[in-house]
Amino acid sequence: MPKKKKVKKVKKINKVKQKNKLKLKSSAKLSERKNLIPGAEEKPEIKKIKKQPTEKKIYNLKDFVVYPKHGVGKIIAIEKATIGEIDIQFYKILVEKEKLTLTVPINQQSKLRPIASINQINKCISILKTKPKIKRTMWSRRAQEYDQKINSGKIYELAEVVKDLNKNTDIIADQSYSERQLFEKAYERLKSEFEAVLNIGAENVQKKMDKALGRTQISESVE
């Protein structure tokens, strides 16, 4: 008699296993059908429209600002736009020297800096009056350092580049092409900030800078 009970138990277990297998097969078939039938897919999640992180505007319309890689620019507009379902506010900045209009989002205004003060301009003039630092390192390395200083957006570093690359001469043979290029780039960047701060014409700014650099004798001899 006990042997029969064991047989019955085994049969019951086998039946349960078969039922479970059939359930798994049927669920797999249903999922396959859902994939084949159009419109039977799960509905996509509704994404909320993202908004630009709120930040107070540091600068106002018609303010002069400095964007390190491009120099002095003037804010000509403060606008709003929706880009990729994201609402943003941004400054439109005109860089006249490069004939370029930049778009800088409000939440990235830390990349900008206000133009220098009168005291900073006076310090720049005193830097221009000092003797240039002569380094014995390879020109390629020095050129890289000068370029980094120019694009740093720091006015004192800009003045140092102008001072170090100033040759007190307009003779092209006395300067390599790359030296002259870097000097002119730094000179024009510094000059444009002088113009914005001092609110005087380009000619007067040039005279002021050339006097500090000791280039006045050159300009007089050319005239």
Protein backbone atom coordinates (compact mmCIF):
# COMPACT_ATOMS: atom_id res chain seq x y z
CA MET A 1 0.00 0.00 0.00
CA PRO A 2 2.67 2.65 0.77
CA LYS A 3 4.22 2.12 -2.68
CA LYS A 4 0.98 3.23 -4.42
CA LYS A 5 0.91 6.52 -2.47
CA LYS A 6 4.40 7.42 -3.73
CA VAL A 7 3.38 6.79 -7.33
CA LYS A 8 0.35 9.05 -6.95
CA LYS A 9 2.50 11.88 -5.53
CA VAL A 10 4.97 11.65 -8.43
CA LYS A 11 2.12 11.83 -10.96
CA LYS A 12 0.71 14.96 -9.28
CA ILE A 13 4.12 16.70 -9.36
CA ASN A 14 4.51 15.88 -13.06
CA LYS A 15 1.08 17.34 -13.82
CA VAL A 16 1.93 20.60 -11.99
CA LYS A 17 5.20 20.91 -13.94
CA GLN A 18 3.39 20.39 -17.25
CA LYS A 19 0.82 23.09 -16.37
CA ASN A 20 3.58 25.57 -15.49
CA LYS A 21 5.34 24.86 -18.80
CA LEU A 22 2.10 25.47 -20.73
CA LYS A 23 1.58 28.78 -18.90
CA LEU A 24 5.10 29.95 -19.76
CA LYS A 25 4.62 29.02 -23.43
CA SER A 26 1.29 30.84 -23.65
CA SER A 27 2.69 34.01 -22.04
CA ALA A 28 5.66 33.94 -24.44
CA LYS A 29 3.31 33.60 -27.42
CA LEU A 30 1.21 36.52 -26.19
CA SER A 31 4.26 38.76 -25.89
CA GLU A 32 5.34 37.80 -29.42
CA ARG A 33 1.88 38.66 -30.75
CA LYS A 34 1.99 42.05 -29.03
CA ASN A 35 5.26 42.82 -30.74
CA LEU A 36 3.84 41.83 -34.13
CA ILE A 37 0.52 43.69 -33.80
CA PRO A 38 0.86 47.45 -34.45
CA GLY A 39 -0.48 49.64 -31.69
CA ALA A 40 -0.16 46.84 -29.14
CA GLU A 41 3.13 48.28 -27.84
CA GLU A 42 3.35 49.95 -24.47
CA LYS A 43 2.68 53.69 -24.47
CA PRO A 44 5.83 55.84 -24.13
CA GLU A 45 6.29 57.85 -20.95
CA ILE A 46 5.31 61.52 -21.25
CA LYS A 47 8.40 63.63 -20.70
CA LYS A 48 8.08 66.97 -18.96
CA ILE A 49 9.35 70.08 -20.79
CA LYS A 50 12.66 71.04 -19.28
CA LYS A 51 13.37 74.62 -18.30
CA GLN A 52 16.69 76.39 -18.09
CA PRO A 53 17.90 76.71 -14.49
CA THR A 54 16.76 80.14 -13.26
CA GLU A 55 19.57 82.64 -12.90
CA LYS A 56 19.51 86.37 -12.40
CA LYS A 57 20.84 88.44 -15.29
CA ILE A 58 24.15 89.96 -14.24
CA TYR A 59 24.49 92.10 -17.37
CA ASN A 60 22.09 94.50 -19.02
CA LEU A 61 21.39 95.66 -22.55
CA LYS A 62 24.23 97.77 -24.07
CA ASP A 63 26.71 96.59 -21.43
CA PHE A 64 30.27 95.86 -22.57
CA VAL A 65 31.54 92.43 -21.56
CA VAL A 66 34.61 90.32 -22.26
CA TYR A 67 34.34 86.83 -23.72
CA PRO A 68 37.84 85.34 -23.19
CA LYS A 69 38.26 83.72 -26.62
CA HIS A 70 36.96 86.70 -28.60
CA GLY A 71 37.59 89.83 -26.54
CA VAL A 72 35.32 92.81 -25.89
CA GLY A 73 31.73 92.68 -27.04
CA LYS A 74 28.53 94.66 -26.53
CA ILE A 75 25.21 93.12 -25.45
CA ILE A 76 22.80 94.04 -28.23
CA ALA A 77 19.83 91.91 -27.10
CA ILE A 78 18.52 89.65 -24.31
CA GLU A 79 16.20 87.08 -25.85
CA LYS A 80 14.23 83.89 -25.11
CA ALA A 81 13.97 80.77 -27.26
CA THR A 82 12.89 77.13 -27.11
CA ILE A 83 15.62 74.77 -28.27
CA GLY A 84 14.99 71.02 -28.15
CA GLU A 85 11.95 71.50 -25.88
CA ILE A 86 14.05 73.51 -23.42
CA ASP A 87 13.18 77.14 -22.69
CA ILE A 88 16.34 79.26 -22.47
CA GLN A 89 17.32 82.90 -22.04
CA PHE A 90 20.46 84.23 -23.66
CA TYR A 91 22.56 87.30 -24.40
CA LYS A 92 23.36 88.31 -27.96
CA ILE A 93 26.83 89.87 -27.95
CA LEU A 94 28.35 91.77 -30.86
CA VAL A 95 32.15 91.61 -31.14
CA GLU A 96 32.86 94.42 -33.62
CA LYS A 97 36.59 93.71 -34.04
CA GLU A 98 35.88 90.18 -35.29
CA LYS A 99 32.50 91.03 -36.91
CA LEU A 100 30.97 88.24 -34.85
CA THR A 101 27.69 87.82 -32.92
CA LEU A 102 27.84 85.45 -29.95
CA THR A 103 24.92 83.73 -28.24
CA VAL A 104 25.60 83.09 -24.55
CA PRO A 105 22.88 81.44 -22.38
CA ILE A 106 22.13 83.18 -19.08
CA ASN A 107 23.12 80.04 -17.14
CA GLN A 108 26.56 80.22 -18.79
CA GLN A 109 27.19 83.91 -18.06
CA SER A 110 30.06 82.90 -15.74
CA LYS A 111 32.11 82.60 -18.96
CA LEU A 112 31.84 86.38 -19.35
CA ARG A 113 33.49 89.07 -17.29
CA PRO A 114 32.75 92.79 -16.94
CA ILE A 115 35.15 95.22 -18.61
CA ALA A 116 38.05 96.54 -16.55
CA SER A 117 37.89 99.50 -14.18
CA ILE A 118 39.93 102.72 -14.60
CA ASN A 119 42.32 101.49 -11.89
CA GLN A 120 42.91 98.25 -13.82
CA ILE A 121 43.56 100.21 -17.03
CA ASN A 122 46.12 102.35 -15.19
CA LYS A 123 47.82 99.21 -13.90
CA CYS A 124 47.93 97.85 -17.48
CA ILE A 125 49.69 101.05 -18.61
CA SER A 126 52.28 100.60 -15.86
CA ILE A 127 52.79 96.97 -17.05
CA LEU A 128 53.33 98.20 -20.63
CA LYS A 129 56.04 100.58 -19.36
CA THR A 130 58.10 97.79 -17.77
CA LYS A 131 60.89 95.92 -19.56
CA PRO A 132 59.91 92.79 -21.50
CA LYS A 133 60.78 89.40 -20.01
CA ILE A 134 63.18 87.51 -22.27
CA LYS A 135 62.79 83.74 -22.00
CA ARG A 136 65.28 81.26 -23.45
CA THR A 137 62.75 78.48 -24.01
CA MET A 138 61.79 77.32 -27.51
CA TRP A 139 59.55 79.71 -29.45
CA SER A 140 56.85 77.03 -30.01
CA ARG A 141 56.46 76.63 -26.25
CA ARG A 142 56.46 80.39 -25.62
CA ALA A 143 53.94 80.95 -28.42
CA GLN A 144 51.60 78.44 -26.77
CA GLU A 145 51.94 80.24 -23.43
CA TYR A 146 51.25 83.63 -25.04
CA ASP A 147 48.19 82.26 -26.83
CA GLN A 148 46.82 80.83 -23.57
CA LYS A 149 47.31 84.21 -21.88
CA ILE A 150 45.51 86.03 -24.70
CA ASN A 151 42.53 83.65 -24.52
CA SER A 152 42.41 83.64 -20.71
CA GLY A 153 40.43 86.89 -20.73
CA LYS A 154 42.61 88.31 -17.94
CA ILE A 155 43.55 91.88 -18.77
CA TYR A 156 46.88 91.89 -16.89
CA GLU A 157 48.05 88.76 -18.74
CA LEU A 158 47.03 90.42 -22.00
CA ALA A 159 49.11 93.48 -21.14
CA GLU A 160 52.09 91.25 -20.33
CA VAL A 161 51.92 89.60 -23.77
CA VAL A 162 51.83 93.00 -25.49
CA LYS A 163 54.79 94.18 -23.40
CA ASP A 164 56.87 90.99 -23.94
CA LEU A 165 56.28 90.85 -27.71
CA ASN A 166 56.78 94.58 -28.29
CA LYS A 167 59.93 95.12 -30.39
CA ASN A 168 59.78 98.95 -30.49
CA THR A 169 59.89 98.66 -34.26
CA ASP A 170 57.62 98.44 -37.27
CA ILE A 171 60.23 96.64 -39.39
CA ILE A 172 58.78 93.23 -40.29
CA ALA A 173 62.23 91.64 -40.58
CA ASP A 174 62.80 92.20 -36.84
CA GLN A 175 59.87 89.91 -35.97
CA SER A 176 58.83 86.46 -37.13
CA TYR A 177 55.40 86.09 -38.71
CA SER A 178 53.97 84.18 -35.72
CA GLU A 179 55.43 86.72 -33.25
CA ARG A 180 53.85 89.61 -35.13
CA GLN A 181 50.51 87.78 -35.33
CA LEU A 182 50.39 87.17 -31.57
CA PHE A 183 51.50 90.73 -30.82
CA GLU A 184 48.79 92.23 -33.05
CA LYS A 185 46.12 89.93 -31.60
CA ALA A 186 47.00 90.87 -28.01
CA TYR A 187 47.46 94.57 -28.91
CA GLU A 188 44.02 94.79 -30.57
CA ARG A 189 42.29 92.97 -27.69
CA LEU A 190 43.84 95.31 -25.15
CA LYS A 191 43.14 98.35 -27.31
CA SER A 192 39.43 97.49 -27.66
CA GLU A 193 39.07 97.22 -23.87
CA PHE A 194 40.87 100.54 -23.40
CA GLU A 195 38.40 102.12 -25.85
CA ALA A 196 35.36 100.71 -24.01
CA VAL A 197 36.58 101.76 -20.55
CA LEU A 198 38.09 105.18 -21.35
CA ASN A 199 35.35 106.01 -23.90
CA ILE A 200 37.79 107.71 -26.27
CA GLY A 201 38.58 107.23 -29.94
CA ALA A 202 40.79 104.48 -31.34
CA GLU A 203 43.55 106.94 -32.36
CA ASN A 204 43.86 108.41 -28.87
CA VAL A 205 43.95 104.94 -27.32
CA GLN A 206 46.68 103.87 -29.74
CA LYS A 207 48.76 106.95 -28.87
CA LYS A 208 48.35 106.22 -25.15
CA MET A 209 49.42 102.59 -25.55
CA ASP A 210 52.30 103.37 -27.93
CA LYS A 211 53.61 105.99 -25.55
CA ALA A 212 53.68 103.46 -22.70
CA LEU A 213 55.41 100.92 -24.99
CA GLY A 214 57.94 103.46 -26.24
CA ARG A 215 56.66 103.26 -29.80
CA THR A 216 55.99 107.02 -30.20
CA GLN A 217 59.37 107.67 -31.87
CA ILE A 218 58.57 105.03 -34.50
CA SER A 219 55.18 106.54 -35.35
CA GLU A 220 56.71 110.06 -35.53
CA SER A 221 59.48 108.92 -37.88
CA VAL A 222 56.96 107.19 -40.14
CA GLU A 223 54.86 110.38 -40.33
